[in-house]
Amino acid sequence: MSLPVTLVESALASIRARKGVALFFPATASYTIPASGWYRLSALGAGGSGGAIFTTTTGGTSSGGGGGAYVESEIYLTKDTVLDITIGAGGASVASSVSGTGANGNVGGVTTIAWAGGTILSAGGGGRGLFNVTNASTVVGGVGGSGSGGNLVNATGGAGGAGTHTTNNAGGGGGGGSGSPYGTGGAGGACSTTVAGGGGGGSITFAGGAATGTTSHGGGGGTGGAGAAAASTTTNAGGVNRLLIASMSSIDGIFRTTTSTSTVGPGFESLTDPFRALSGGGSLASATTSIPSGPGSGTGGAINSGIPGPLGGSGGGGRAGATVSSATPIFGGGSGGTGSSLTGPSTSGAGGAGLAAVERIG
């Protein structure tokens, strides 16, 4: 027996009016406030994508994309106020398949929340990464997005990691973490290897580790510490979680991973004030495999970097003699730059998409 439509609609209205549960908006929409009260409005800009370069001769590097901004307000809204929510798209991924023909990344889109008579919340997208084939030169990473209109938080995204070209090297800087209630996002790790490597992705607070050795990769930034830099080895530790424990798990002990074998999917740790419920650690760097990170953290540099937790940036990718790619962040973070030599293609991930949330708090 089915319930009358009026009863179903009434039940849904009651759920929507309930305090303390955030409603997420991953796509552009209009939302009508169901009951007068105090609301927390959160807007997250989209991340930029990293650059990509494949070359069999001169070598090259690329820089990572910047993280999106985060904007937050707590405001009293009356029943039937209409929120117009626009979600920014992540910067599109790019690929380099013809030797010596690189591709610059793309800028992330702006996320806004607007309503009649109110101050528009605007969370800017992260800037794009660039490719580089000029020896002894550096290209900077994409700038972090900037935000405006929030009465509590207007946090800038983290910058993408720079890419320095040395003779015949292949690599990419890490993507920047997004802004958050904790402040400016962590920067992606820079890459200046002499053979191959990639910088780690930034977290919501701390930077990814730099890749500075021969064939080496930097660790991803964690919510409690920066990723380890890579001076001469291929595997370096990711940043610790918010309990300062060397683990990718959240502070509740759960690892919300993106791997297909996980029983717990990636995401936020709570539907109450979700953008503050991010406490995972960053993943270590790896020359052989992709490793995902915990919520709010970046992934380590790798041949093919793993998917970061929400708001984290992905690591840069670099390898001599193989295809290489950087993962697409879940929300807000920038993707790492990539560089490969001898065989292609070299592919950056897209920037993390924007997101908005509405939560009744009083």
Protein backbone atom coordinates (compact mmCIF):
# COMPACT_ATOMS: atom_id res chain seq x y z
CA MET A 1 0.00 0.00 0.00
CA SER A 2 1.46 3.35 -1.02
CA LEU A 3 1.21 6.50 1.07
CA PRO A 4 -0.73 9.50 -0.25
CA VAL A 5 1.50 12.03 -2.01
CA THR A 6 0.58 14.72 0.54
CA LEU A 7 1.90 12.58 3.40
CA VAL A 8 5.14 11.86 1.57
CA GLU A 9 5.65 15.53 0.80
CA SER A 10 4.93 16.43 4.43
CA ALA A 11 7.49 13.90 5.67
CA LEU A 12 10.13 15.18 3.26
CA ALA A 13 9.45 18.77 4.34
CA SER A 14 9.94 17.74 7.95
CA ILE A 15 13.31 16.17 7.13
CA ARG A 16 14.44 19.21 5.18
CA ALA A 17 13.51 21.52 8.07
CA ARG A 18 15.37 19.46 10.66
CA LYS A 19 18.32 21.05 12.44
CA GLY A 20 21.86 19.82 12.20
CA VAL A 21 21.83 17.83 8.94
CA ALA A 22 23.58 19.36 5.94
CA LEU A 23 22.05 19.12 2.49
CA PHE A 24 24.69 18.82 -0.24
CA PHE A 25 24.35 20.33 -3.69
CA PRO A 26 26.83 18.85 -6.20
CA ALA A 27 24.95 20.37 -9.17
CA THR A 28 23.40 23.75 -9.92
CA ALA A 29 19.95 24.06 -8.35
CA SER A 30 17.42 26.29 -6.60
CA TYR A 31 16.47 25.50 -3.02
CA THR A 32 13.51 26.93 -1.07
CA ILE A 33 14.07 27.40 2.66
CA PRO A 34 11.41 25.19 4.36
CA ALA A 35 11.28 26.94 7.77
CA SER A 36 12.50 30.23 9.21
CA GLY A 37 15.68 29.92 11.25
CA TRP A 38 19.45 30.18 11.34
CA TYR A 39 21.32 28.45 8.54
CA ARG A 40 24.93 27.69 7.70
CA LEU A 41 25.63 28.20 4.00
CA SER A 42 28.86 26.77 2.57
CA ALA A 43 30.27 27.17 -0.93
CA LEU A 44 33.34 25.37 -2.32
CA GLY A 45 34.97 26.42 -5.58
CA ALA A 46 36.25 23.88 -8.09
CA GLY A 47 39.91 22.94 -8.45
CA GLY A 48 42.08 23.66 -11.47
CA SER A 49 43.71 20.90 -13.50
CA GLY A 50 47.44 20.35 -13.83
CA GLY A 51 49.47 20.60 -17.02
CA ALA A 52 50.79 17.64 -19.02
CA ILE A 53 53.87 17.01 -21.13
CA PHE A 54 55.17 13.97 -23.05
CA THR A 55 58.49 14.17 -24.84
CA THR A 56 61.05 11.68 -26.12
CA THR A 57 63.86 14.17 -26.50
CA THR A 58 64.25 17.23 -24.29
CA GLY A 59 62.31 16.12 -21.22
CA GLY A 60 59.86 18.36 -19.41
CA THR A 61 57.76 19.02 -16.34
CA SER A 62 54.38 20.52 -15.53
CA SER A 63 52.83 22.27 -12.54
CA GLY A 64 49.75 21.36 -10.52
CA GLY A 65 46.35 23.03 -10.50
CA GLY A 66 45.24 25.26 -7.63
CA GLY A 67 42.55 24.36 -5.09
CA GLY A 68 39.16 26.06 -4.95
CA ALA A 69 38.17 28.65 -2.35
CA TYR A 70 35.81 28.00 0.56
CA VAL A 71 33.21 30.53 1.76
CA GLU A 72 30.85 30.20 4.73
CA SER A 73 28.10 32.28 6.33
CA GLU A 74 25.69 31.80 9.22
CA ILE A 75 22.55 33.80 8.59
CA TYR A 76 18.87 33.99 9.53
CA LEU A 77 16.62 33.09 6.59
CA THR A 78 12.84 33.25 6.46
CA LYS A 79 10.58 30.50 5.17
CA ASP A 80 10.24 30.38 1.36
CA THR A 81 13.48 32.26 0.71
CA VAL A 82 14.87 30.87 -2.55
CA LEU A 83 18.58 30.10 -2.73
CA ASP A 84 20.05 30.12 -6.24
CA ILE A 85 23.02 27.75 -6.12
CA THR A 86 25.55 27.56 -8.95
CA ILE A 87 28.20 24.84 -8.81
CA GLY A 88 31.57 25.35 -10.49
CA ALA A 89 32.95 22.59 -12.71
CA GLY A 90 36.44 21.25 -12.13
CA GLY A 91 39.06 22.31 -14.65
CA ALA A 92 38.99 19.80 -17.50
CA SER A 93 41.78 17.23 -17.71
CA VAL A 94 44.39 17.58 -20.43
CA ALA A 95 46.68 15.13 -22.21
CA SER A 96 49.93 15.26 -24.15
CA SER A 97 50.18 12.46 -26.72
CA VAL A 98 52.53 13.96 -29.33
CA SER A 99 56.17 14.25 -28.26
CA GLY A 100 57.08 17.83 -27.40
CA THR A 101 53.49 19.07 -27.64
CA GLY A 102 52.37 19.78 -24.08
CA ALA A 103 49.04 20.98 -22.73
CA ASN A 104 48.28 23.58 -20.09
CA GLY A 105 45.58 22.76 -17.56
CA ASN A 106 42.23 24.48 -17.13
CA VAL A 107 40.81 26.84 -14.49
CA GLY A 108 38.20 25.59 -12.03
CA GLY A 109 34.72 27.14 -11.96
CA VAL A 110 33.16 29.45 -9.38
CA THR A 111 30.52 28.24 -6.92
CA THR A 112 27.96 30.81 -5.74
CA ILE A 113 24.96 30.97 -3.41
CA ALA A 114 22.62 33.94 -3.92
CA TRP A 115 19.20 35.03 -2.70
CA ALA A 116 17.07 38.16 -2.86
CA GLY A 117 18.43 40.91 -0.62
CA GLY A 118 21.40 38.84 0.55
CA THR A 119 25.17 39.02 0.08
CA ILE A 120 26.31 36.58 -2.59
CA LEU A 121 28.68 33.86 -1.42
CA SER A 122 31.30 33.40 -4.13
CA ALA A 123 33.97 30.66 -3.96
CA GLY A 124 36.44 31.04 -6.81
CA GLY A 125 38.00 28.16 -8.70
CA GLY A 126 41.68 27.22 -8.67
CA GLY A 127 44.07 28.28 -11.41
CA ARG A 128 45.54 26.00 -14.06
CA GLY A 129 48.88 24.24 -14.14
CA LEU A 130 51.34 24.76 -16.99
CA PHE A 131 53.71 22.54 -18.98
CA ASN A 132 57.42 23.26 -19.39
CA VAL A 133 60.02 22.13 -21.96
CA THR A 134 62.59 24.89 -21.39
CA ASN A 135 65.66 23.55 -19.61
CA ALA A 136 66.70 25.19 -16.31
CA SER A 137 63.36 27.00 -15.98
CA THR A 138 60.33 26.75 -13.68
CA VAL A 139 56.61 27.12 -14.26
CA VAL A 140 54.54 28.08 -11.20
CA GLY A 141 51.47 26.13 -10.15
CA GLY A 142 47.93 27.37 -10.53
CA VAL A 143 46.89 29.95 -7.96
CA GLY A 144 44.36 29.04 -5.31
CA GLY A 145 40.84 30.35 -5.81
CA SER A 146 39.72 33.32 -3.73
CA GLY A 147 36.40 33.76 -1.94
CA SER A 148 34.13 36.60 -0.91
CA GLY A 149 30.80 37.27 0.77
CA GLY A 150 31.13 34.98 3.77
CA ASN A 151 30.50 36.42 7.24
CA LEU A 152 32.54 33.63 8.88
CA VAL A 153 35.04 32.23 6.37
CA ASN A 154 36.57 33.41 3.09
CA ALA A 155 39.43 30.94 2.66
CA THR A 156 41.74 30.83 -0.34
CA GLY A 157 42.64 27.54 -2.00
CA GLY A 158 46.19 26.20 -1.98
CA ALA A 159 48.48 26.83 -4.94
CA GLY A 160 49.54 24.00 -7.23
CA GLY A 161 53.12 22.75 -7.00
CA ALA A 162 55.69 24.25 -9.37
CA GLY A 163 57.50 22.25 -12.05
CA THR A 164 61.22 22.81 -12.70
CA HIS A 165 62.66 21.38 -15.91
CA THR A 166 66.09 19.80 -15.81
CA THR A 167 67.79 17.95 -18.65
CA ASN A 168 65.64 15.02 -19.86
CA ASN A 169 63.55 14.80 -16.69
CA ALA A 170 59.86 13.92 -16.49
CA GLY A 171 57.56 14.98 -13.66
CA GLY A 172 54.81 17.17 -12.28
CA GLY A 173 53.92 19.28 -9.25
CA GLY A 174 51.08 18.25 -6.95
CA GLY A 175 47.62 19.82 -6.89
CA GLY A 176 46.70 22.31 -4.17
CA GLY A 177 44.20 21.51 -1.43
CA SER A 178 41.05 23.62 -1.27
CA GLY A 179 40.26 26.28 1.28
CA SER A 180 38.20 25.18 4.28
CA PRO A 181 36.96 26.39 7.68
CA TYR A 182 40.54 25.80 8.85
CA GLY A 183 41.88 28.48 6.50
CA THR A 184 43.97 28.57 3.33
CA GLY A 185 44.48 25.22 1.63
CA GLY A 186 47.89 23.53 1.59
CA ALA A 187 50.03 23.92 -1.51
CA GLY A 188 50.94 21.06 -3.79
CA GLY A 189 54.51 19.83 -3.60
CA ALA A 190 56.95 21.12 -6.21
CA CYS A 191 58.81 18.83 -8.59
CA SER A 192 62.44 19.41 -9.62
CA THR A 193 63.71 15.87 -10.09
CA THR A 194 66.63 15.11 -12.38
CA VAL A 195 65.09 11.95 -13.85
CA ALA A 196 61.43 11.45 -12.92
CA GLY A 197 58.94 12.05 -10.11
CA GLY A 198 56.02 14.03 -8.77
CA GLY A 199 55.16 16.29 -5.85
CA GLY A 200 52.49 15.34 -3.31
CA GLY A 201 49.02 16.85 -3.26
CA GLY A 202 48.16 19.44 -0.62
CA SER A 203 45.61 18.92 2.15
CA ILE A 204 43.11 21.41 3.55
CA THR A 205 45.90 22.75 5.78
CA PHE A 206 49.33 21.32 5.02
CA ALA A 207 51.46 21.14 1.89
CA GLY A 208 52.35 18.07 -0.10
CA GLY A 209 55.96 16.91 -0.08
CA ALA A 210 58.32 18.16 -2.77
CA ALA A 211 60.15 15.86 -5.18
CA THR A 212 63.77 17.02 -5.40
CA GLY A 213 65.94 13.97 -6.00
CA THR A 214 66.68 11.78 -9.00
CA THR A 215 63.73 9.42 -9.41
CA SER A 216 61.56 10.37 -6.44
CA HIS A 217 58.05 11.30 -5.34
CA GLY A 218 56.76 13.48 -2.47
CA GLY A 219 54.17 12.34 0.06
CA GLY A 220 50.66 13.78 0.21
CA GLY A 221 49.81 16.41 2.81
CA GLY A 222 47.70 15.29 5.77
CA THR A 223 45.26 17.22 7.96
CA GLY A 224 47.81 17.13 10.80
CA GLY A 225 51.10 17.59 8.98
CA ALA A 226 52.87 18.10 5.67
CA GLY A 227 53.89 15.26 3.40
CA ALA A 228 57.54 14.19 3.40
CA ALA A 229 59.84 15.63 0.75
CA ALA A 230 61.72 13.28 -1.54
CA ALA A 231 65.46 13.87 -1.74
CA SER A 232 66.76 10.62 -3.17
CA THR A 233 64.27 7.81 -2.63
CA THR A 234 61.14 6.69 -4.43
CA THR A 235 58.79 6.27 -1.46
CA ASN A 236 58.13 9.01 1.10
CA ALA A 237 55.60 9.28 3.92
CA GLY A 238 52.33 11.14 3.71
CA GLY A 239 51.35 13.72 6.31
CA VAL A 240 49.79 12.53 9.57
CA ASN A 241 46.09 12.78 10.39
CA ARG A 242 44.60 15.28 12.83
CA LEU A 243 45.57 13.11 15.80
CA LEU A 244 49.18 13.34 14.55
CA ILE A 245 49.11 9.60 13.85
CA ALA A 246 50.80 8.25 10.73
CA SER A 247 47.62 6.80 9.27
CA MET A 248 45.27 7.65 6.42
CA SER A 249 42.32 6.87 8.71
CA SER A 250 40.10 9.57 10.16
CA ILE A 251 40.20 10.25 13.89
CA ASP A 252 37.36 7.74 14.34
CA GLY A 253 39.68 5.02 13.04
CA ILE A 254 37.86 4.54 9.73
CA PHE A 255 39.68 4.76 6.43
CA ARG A 256 37.19 6.19 3.94
CA THR A 257 38.94 5.09 0.81
CA THR A 258 38.35 5.24 -2.92
CA THR A 259 39.57 1.72 -3.68
CA SER A 260 37.10 -0.71 -5.21
CA THR A 261 37.60 -3.26 -2.41
CA SER A 262 36.68 -0.88 0.42
CA THR A 263 33.48 -1.36 2.38
CA VAL A 264 33.47 2.34 3.34
CA GLY A 265 33.19 4.81 0.49
CA PRO A 266 35.03 8.12 0.36
CA GLY A 267 33.38 11.18 1.80
CA PHE A 268 32.80 13.45 4.77
CA GLU A 269 32.90 12.09 8.31
CA SER A 270 29.67 13.76 9.45
CA LEU A 271 26.56 15.41 8.03
CA THR A 272 26.73 17.94 10.87
CA ASP A 273 29.10 20.77 9.96
CA PRO A 274 30.66 18.47 7.32
CA PHE A 275 33.43 20.77 6.12
CA ARG A 276 34.96 20.66 9.61
CA ALA A 277 34.64 16.87 9.73
CA LEU A 278 37.78 16.13 7.72
CA SER A 279 40.64 14.55 9.64
CA GLY A 280 42.40 11.90 7.55
CA GLY A 281 46.08 11.50 6.76
CA GLY A 282 47.85 11.85 3.44
CA SER A 283 49.02 8.88 1.40
CA LEU A 284 52.66 8.01 0.95
CA ALA A 285 54.41 8.44 -2.37
CA SER A 286 54.98 5.45 -4.55
CA ALA A 287 56.94 4.75 -7.71
CA THR A 288 54.86 1.69 -8.52
CA THR A 289 51.23 2.09 -7.48
CA SER A 290 48.45 4.61 -6.78
CA ILE A 291 47.36 5.01 -3.15
CA PRO A 292 44.25 6.98 -2.06
CA SER A 293 44.29 9.32 0.95
CA GLY A 294 42.02 10.12 3.88
CA PRO A 295 39.32 12.85 4.04
CA GLY A 296 40.76 16.34 3.65
CA SER A 297 44.20 15.09 2.61
CA GLY A 298 46.28 14.87 -0.55
CA THR A 299 47.78 11.88 -2.30
CA GLY A 300 51.46 11.24 -2.78
CA GLY A 301 53.26 11.68 -6.07
CA ALA A 302 53.31 8.50 -8.16
CA ILE A 303 53.41 7.13 -11.67
CA ASN A 304 49.61 7.25 -11.56
CA SER A 305 48.53 9.12 -8.42
CA GLY A 306 45.69 7.91 -6.21
CA ILE A 307 42.41 9.75 -5.58
CA PRO A 308 42.60 12.22 -2.67
CA GLY A 309 39.98 12.60 0.03
CA PRO A 310 37.37 15.39 -0.27
CA LEU A 311 39.03 18.84 -0.57
CA GLY A 312 42.53 17.34 -0.98
CA GLY A 313 44.75 17.71 -4.05
CA SER A 314 46.12 14.84 -6.11
CA GLY A 315 49.82 14.13 -6.45
CA GLY A 316 51.87 14.86 -9.54
CA GLY A 317 52.98 12.05 -11.82
CA GLY A 318 56.27 11.44 -13.56
CA ARG A 319 58.11 8.52 -15.08
CA ALA A 320 60.68 7.80 -17.74
CA GLY A 321 59.56 5.22 -20.24
CA ALA A 322 55.86 4.83 -19.45
CA THR A 323 52.44 6.43 -19.60
CA VAL A 324 51.59 8.56 -16.58
CA SER A 325 48.49 10.20 -15.10
CA SER A 326 47.20 12.19 -12.13
CA ALA A 327 43.88 11.42 -10.47
CA THR A 328 40.81 13.68 -10.35
CA PRO A 329 40.08 14.92 -6.79
CA ILE A 330 36.61 14.30 -5.36
CA PHE A 331 35.71 17.93 -4.49
CA GLY A 332 37.59 21.22 -4.56
CA GLY A 333 41.21 20.11 -4.84
CA GLY A 334 43.55 20.75 -7.76
CA SER A 335 44.93 17.89 -9.84
CA GLY A 336 48.64 17.25 -10.17
CA GLY A 337 50.71 17.94 -13.24
CA THR A 338 52.29 15.09 -15.19
CA GLY A 339 55.35 14.44 -17.31
CA SER A 340 56.55 11.34 -19.16
CA SER A 341 59.35 10.47 -21.53
CA LEU A 342 60.00 7.75 -24.12
CA THR A 343 56.33 6.72 -24.34
CA GLY A 344 53.08 8.63 -23.87
CA PRO A 345 50.54 9.85 -23.22
CA SER A 346 50.88 12.06 -20.17
CA THR A 347 47.48 12.93 -18.68
CA SER A 348 46.39 15.22 -15.85
CA GLY A 349 43.22 14.60 -13.89
CA ALA A 350 40.39 17.11 -13.89
CA GLY A 351 40.14 19.51 -10.96
CA GLY A 352 37.80 18.56 -8.14
CA ALA A 353 34.23 19.76 -8.71
CA GLY A 354 32.63 22.49 -6.64
CA LEU A 355 30.10 21.80 -3.90
CA ALA A 356 27.57 23.67 -1.74
CA ALA A 357 25.85 22.77 1.52
CA VAL A 358 22.88 24.18 3.43
CA GLU A 359 22.45 23.29 7.11
CA ARG A 360 19.83 24.51 9.57
CA ILE A 361 21.60 25.32 12.86
CA GLY A 362 18.97 27.15 14.90
